[in-house]
C-alpha atoms as a PDB file:
ATOM      1  CA  MET A   1      -8.942   2.152  34.979  1.00  0.00           C
ATOM      2  CA  PRO A   2      -8.859   5.771  33.769  1.00  0.00           C
ATOM      3  CA  GLU A   3     -11.736   6.930  31.622  1.00  0.00           C
ATOM      4  CA  LEU A   4     -10.874   7.085  27.917  1.00  0.00           C
ATOM      5  CA  ARG A   5     -11.535  10.413  26.319  1.00  0.00           C
ATOM      6  CA  ALA A   6     -12.326  11.024  22.692  1.00  0.00           C
ATOM      7  CA  PHE A   7      -9.645  12.636  20.542  1.00  0.00           C
ATOM      8  CA  ASP A   8     -10.031  14.787  17.452  1.00  0.00           C
ATOM      9  CA  ILE A   9      -7.830  13.179  14.803  1.00  0.00           C
ATOM     10  CA  LEU A  10      -5.654  10.123  14.343  1.00  0.00           C
ATOM     11  CA  ILE A  11      -3.009  10.463  11.637  1.00  0.00           C
ATOM     12  CA  ILE A  12      -1.214   7.327  10.470  1.00  0.00           C
ATOM     13  CA  ASP A  13       1.639   7.711   8.031  1.00  0.00           C
ATOM     14  CA  GLU A  14       2.742   4.692   5.981  1.00  0.00           C
ATOM     15  CA  ALA A  15      -0.749   3.262   6.550  1.00  0.00           C
ATOM     16  CA  HIS A  16      -0.119   0.401   4.108  1.00  0.00           C
ATOM     17  CA  ASN A  17       2.052  -1.173   6.827  1.00  0.00           C
ATOM     18  CA  ASN A  18      -1.137  -1.823   8.799  1.00  0.00           C
ATOM     19  CA  SER A  19      -2.709  -3.969   6.135  1.00  0.00           C
ATOM     20  CA  PRO A  20      -3.161  -7.552   7.325  1.00  0.00           C
ATOM     21  CA  SER A  21      -1.236 -10.345   5.697  1.00  0.00           C
ATOM     22  CA  GLY A  22      -2.806 -13.264   3.876  1.00  0.00           C
ATOM     23  CA  THR A  23      -5.967 -13.635   1.844  1.00  0.00           C
ATOM     24  CA  GLY A  24      -9.398 -15.205   2.167  1.00  0.00           C
ATOM     25  CA  ASN A  25      -9.953 -17.105   5.405  1.00  0.00           C
ATOM     26  CA  TYR A  26      -6.306 -16.631   6.350  1.00  0.00           C
ATOM     27  CA  VAL A  27      -6.201 -12.852   6.759  1.00  0.00           C
ATOM     28  CA  LEU A  28      -4.395 -12.039   9.990  1.00  0.00           C
ATOM     29  CA  ASP A  29      -4.039  -8.650  11.633  1.00  0.00           C
ATOM     30  CA  SER A  30      -0.538  -7.700  12.688  1.00  0.00           C
ATOM     31  CA  GLN A  31      -0.034  -6.450  16.238  1.00  0.00           C
ATOM     32  CA  ARG A  32       0.100  -2.945  14.776  1.00  0.00           C
ATOM     33  CA  ALA A  33      -3.264  -3.408  13.038  1.00  0.00           C
ATOM     34  CA  GLN A  34      -4.744  -4.824  16.251  1.00  0.00           C
ATOM     35  CA  ALA A  35      -3.540  -1.770  18.177  1.00  0.00           C
ATOM     36  CA  ILE A  36      -4.995   0.607  15.588  1.00  0.00           C
ATOM     37  CA  ARG A  37      -8.284  -1.303  15.683  1.00  0.00           C
ATOM     38  CA  GLU A  38      -8.384  -0.638  19.443  1.00  0.00           C
ATOM     39  CA  LEU A  39      -7.440   3.039  19.055  1.00  0.00           C
ATOM     40  CA  THR A  40      -9.594   4.174  16.125  1.00  0.00           C
ATOM     41  CA  PRO A  41     -12.953   4.203  17.964  1.00  0.00           C
ATOM     42  CA  HIS A  42     -11.579   6.937  20.246  1.00  0.00           C
ATOM     43  CA  PHE A  43     -10.968   9.400  17.382  1.00  0.00           C
ATOM     44  CA  GLU A  44     -13.558  11.495  15.602  1.00  0.00           C
ATOM     45  CA  HIS A  45     -11.483  11.717  12.403  1.00  0.00           C
ATOM     46  CA  LYS A  46      -8.850   9.475  10.862  1.00  0.00           C
ATOM     47  CA  LEU A  47      -6.272  10.284   8.212  1.00  0.00           C
ATOM     48  CA  PHE A  48      -4.320   7.401   6.709  1.00  0.00           C
ATOM     49  CA  LEU A  49      -1.399   8.434   4.502  1.00  0.00           C
ATOM     50  CA  THR A  50       0.623   6.308   2.132  1.00  0.00           C
ATOM     51  CA  ALA A  51       2.552   6.725  -1.098  1.00  0.00           C
ATOM     52  CA  THR A  52       2.726   2.978  -1.601  1.00  0.00           C
ATOM     53  CA  PRO A  53       0.291   1.580  -4.150  1.00  0.00           C
ATOM     54  CA  HIS A  54      -2.329  -0.955  -3.129  1.00  0.00           C
ATOM     55  CA  ASN A  55      -0.855  -4.471  -3.394  1.00  0.00           C
ATOM     56  CA  GLY A  56      -3.871  -5.809  -5.282  1.00  0.00           C
ATOM     57  CA  TYR A  57      -5.247  -7.967  -2.478  1.00  0.00           C
ATOM     58  CA  SER A  58      -8.817  -6.851  -1.858  1.00  0.00           C
ATOM     59  CA  ASP A  59      -8.830  -8.418   1.634  1.00  0.00           C
ATOM     60  CA  GLY A  60      -5.974  -6.200   2.793  1.00  0.00           C
ATOM     61  CA  PHE A  61      -7.454  -3.103   1.179  1.00  0.00           C
ATOM     62  CA  GLY A  62     -10.849  -3.856   2.710  1.00  0.00           C
ATOM     63  CA  ALA A  63      -9.273  -4.296   6.135  1.00  0.00           C
ATOM     64  CA  LEU A  64      -7.557  -0.889   5.855  1.00  0.00           C
ATOM     65  CA  LEU A  65     -10.837   0.703   4.828  1.00  0.00           C
ATOM     66  CA  GLU A  66     -12.537  -1.021   7.754  1.00  0.00           C
ATOM     67  CA  LEU A  67      -9.953   0.508  10.128  1.00  0.00           C
ATOM     68  CA  LEU A  68     -10.658   3.885   8.571  1.00  0.00           C
ATOM     69  CA  ASP A  69     -14.465   3.638   8.737  1.00  0.00           C
ATOM     70  CA  PRO A  70     -16.031   0.430  10.089  1.00  0.00           C
ATOM     71  CA  ASN A  71     -19.543   1.785   9.474  1.00  0.00           C
ATOM     72  CA  ARG A  72     -19.005   1.941   5.704  1.00  0.00           C
ATOM     73  CA  PHE A  73     -16.579  -0.927   5.116  1.00  0.00           C
ATOM     74  CA  ALA A  74     -16.036  -4.509   6.193  1.00  0.00           C
ATOM     75  CA  ARG A  75     -13.047  -6.626   5.272  1.00  0.00           C
ATOM     76  CA  THR A  76     -15.361  -9.466   4.268  1.00  0.00           C
ATOM     77  CA  ALA A  77     -17.255  -7.435   1.647  1.00  0.00           C
ATOM     78  CA  ALA A  78     -16.004  -5.890  -1.567  1.00  0.00           C
ATOM     79  CA  PRO A  79     -15.818  -2.115  -1.036  1.00  0.00           C
ATOM     80  CA  ASP A  80     -18.385  -0.020  -2.874  1.00  0.00           C
ATOM     81  CA  PRO A  81     -16.416   2.228  -5.285  1.00  0.00           C
ATOM     82  CA  VAL A  82     -18.743   5.162  -4.544  1.00  0.00           C
ATOM     83  CA  LEU A  83     -18.003   4.878  -0.813  1.00  0.00           C
ATOM     84  CA  VAL A  84     -14.271   4.490  -1.479  1.00  0.00           C
ATOM     85  CA  ARG A  85     -14.264   7.734  -3.492  1.00  0.00           C
ATOM     86  CA  ALA A  86     -15.991   9.441  -0.555  1.00  0.00           C
ATOM     87  CA  VAL A  87     -13.127   8.624   1.846  1.00  0.00           C
ATOM     88  CA  MET A  88     -10.064   8.346  -0.386  1.00  0.00           C
ATOM     89  CA  VAL A  89      -8.034  11.025  -2.139  1.00  0.00           C
ATOM     90  CA  ARG A  90      -5.509   9.890  -4.699  1.00  0.00           C
ATOM     91  CA  ARG A  91      -2.868  12.221  -6.035  1.00  0.00           C
ATOM     92  CA  LEU A  92      -0.516  11.407  -8.873  1.00  0.00           C
ATOM     93  CA  LYS A  93       2.818  13.123  -9.376  1.00  0.00           C
ATOM     94  CA  SER A  94       1.562  14.394 -12.720  1.00  0.00           C
ATOM     95  CA  GLU A  95      -1.235  16.273 -10.901  1.00  0.00           C
ATOM     96  CA  MET A  96       1.121  18.083  -8.540  1.00  0.00           C
ATOM     97  CA  LYS A  97       1.848  21.575  -9.866  1.00  0.00           C
ATOM     98  CA  ASN A  98       3.895  24.540  -8.717  1.00  0.00           C
ATOM     99  CA  TRP A  99       2.183  27.866  -8.065  1.00  0.00           C
ATOM    100  CA  ASP A 100       2.819  28.896 -11.671  1.00  0.00           C
ATOM    101  CA  GLY A 101       1.250  25.729 -13.109  1.00  0.00           C
ATOM    102  CA  THR A 102       4.487  24.019 -14.058  1.00  0.00           C
ATOM    103  CA  SER A 103       5.058  20.412 -13.096  1.00  0.00           C
ATOM    104  CA  ARG A 104       6.399  19.964  -9.585  1.00  0.00           C
ATOM    105  CA  PHE A 105       8.319  16.804 -10.478  1.00  0.00           C
ATOM    106  CA  PRO A 106      10.595  16.292 -13.466  1.00  0.00           C
ATOM    107  CA  ARG A 107       9.220  14.088 -16.217  1.00  0.00           C
ATOM    108  CA  ARG A 108      10.612  10.580 -16.025  1.00  0.00           C
ATOM    109  CA  LYS A 109      12.741   9.630 -18.977  1.00  0.00           C
ATOM    110  CA  LEU A 110      13.701   5.987 -19.325  1.00  0.00           C
ATOM    111  CA  GLU A 111      16.745   5.119 -21.371  1.00  0.00           C
ATOM    112  CA  HIS A 112      18.172   1.761 -22.308  1.00  0.00           C
ATOM    113  CA  ILE A 113      21.868   1.751 -21.470  1.00  0.00           C
ATOM    114  CA  GLU A 114      23.985  -0.937 -23.045  1.00  0.00           C
ATOM    115  CA  VAL A 115      26.384  -2.510 -20.570  1.00  0.00           C
ATOM    116  CA  PRO A 116      29.420  -4.254 -22.039  1.00  0.00           C
ATOM    117  CA  TYR A 117      30.011  -7.509 -20.172  1.00  0.00           C
ATOM    118  CA  GLY A 118      33.481  -8.890 -19.668  1.00  0.00           C
ATOM    119  CA  ALA A 119      34.392 -12.590 -19.733  1.00  0.00           C
ATOM    120  CA  ASP A 120      33.690 -13.067 -15.989  1.00  0.00           C
ATOM    121  CA  GLU A 121      30.218 -11.579 -16.239  1.00  0.00           C
ATOM    122  CA  LYS A 122      29.361 -13.650 -19.302  1.00  0.00           C
ATOM    123  CA  ARG A 123      29.991 -16.847 -17.323  1.00  0.00           C
ATOM    124  CA  HIS A 124      26.772 -16.122 -15.395  1.00  0.00           C
ATOM    125  CA  GLY A 125      24.947 -17.391 -18.474  1.00  0.00           C
ATOM    126  CA  VAL A 126      26.064 -20.857 -17.435  1.00  0.00           C
ATOM    127  CA  LEU A 127      23.990 -20.501 -14.266  1.00  0.00           C
ATOM    128  CA  ALA A 128      20.913 -19.537 -16.296  1.00  0.00           C
ATOM    129  CA  GLU A 129      21.408 -22.590 -18.507  1.00  0.00           C
ATOM    130  CA  TYR A 130      21.619 -24.796 -15.419  1.00  0.00           C
ATOM    131  CA  VAL A 131      18.398 -23.343 -13.977  1.00  0.00           C
ATOM    132  CA  HIS A 132      16.557 -23.893 -17.273  1.00  0.00           C
ATOM    133  CA  SER A 133      17.809 -27.475 -17.474  1.00  0.00           C
ATOM    134  CA  ARG A 134      16.552 -28.181 -13.925  1.00  0.00           C
ATOM    135  CA  LEU A 135      13.162 -26.630 -14.676  1.00  0.00           C
ATOM    136  CA  ALA A 136      12.817 -28.729 -17.818  1.00  0.00           C
ATOM    137  CA  ALA A 137      13.563 -31.954 -15.909  1.00  0.00           C
END
């Protein structure tokens, strides 16, 4: 078996895809997460990138943090917010500025648009009535 050598940096884009599925005693690593768990000890630095918000499951978030730094985090313990701030950088679109200080992204403007429904589309209300009647039964 060839000797493993240490590498400088591991960069994982779309890191949220490596979060295990399930919660509590049923958290299971995917094959991808298992592979990363095997690889990460061979890298001095790790950079996990994602633009996808945390799904709210602390087990999955803890497992990602554990992959990032197993000395500071364990999937079985709630992460210390101070330690999380030490390893995580969060950027919001509103914080991203051009060189001249203007906003890099256009401001989102939500508008309600009325859609006129024809007779065929209005018949879908019958389906909603059926669903409500089944739920009430």
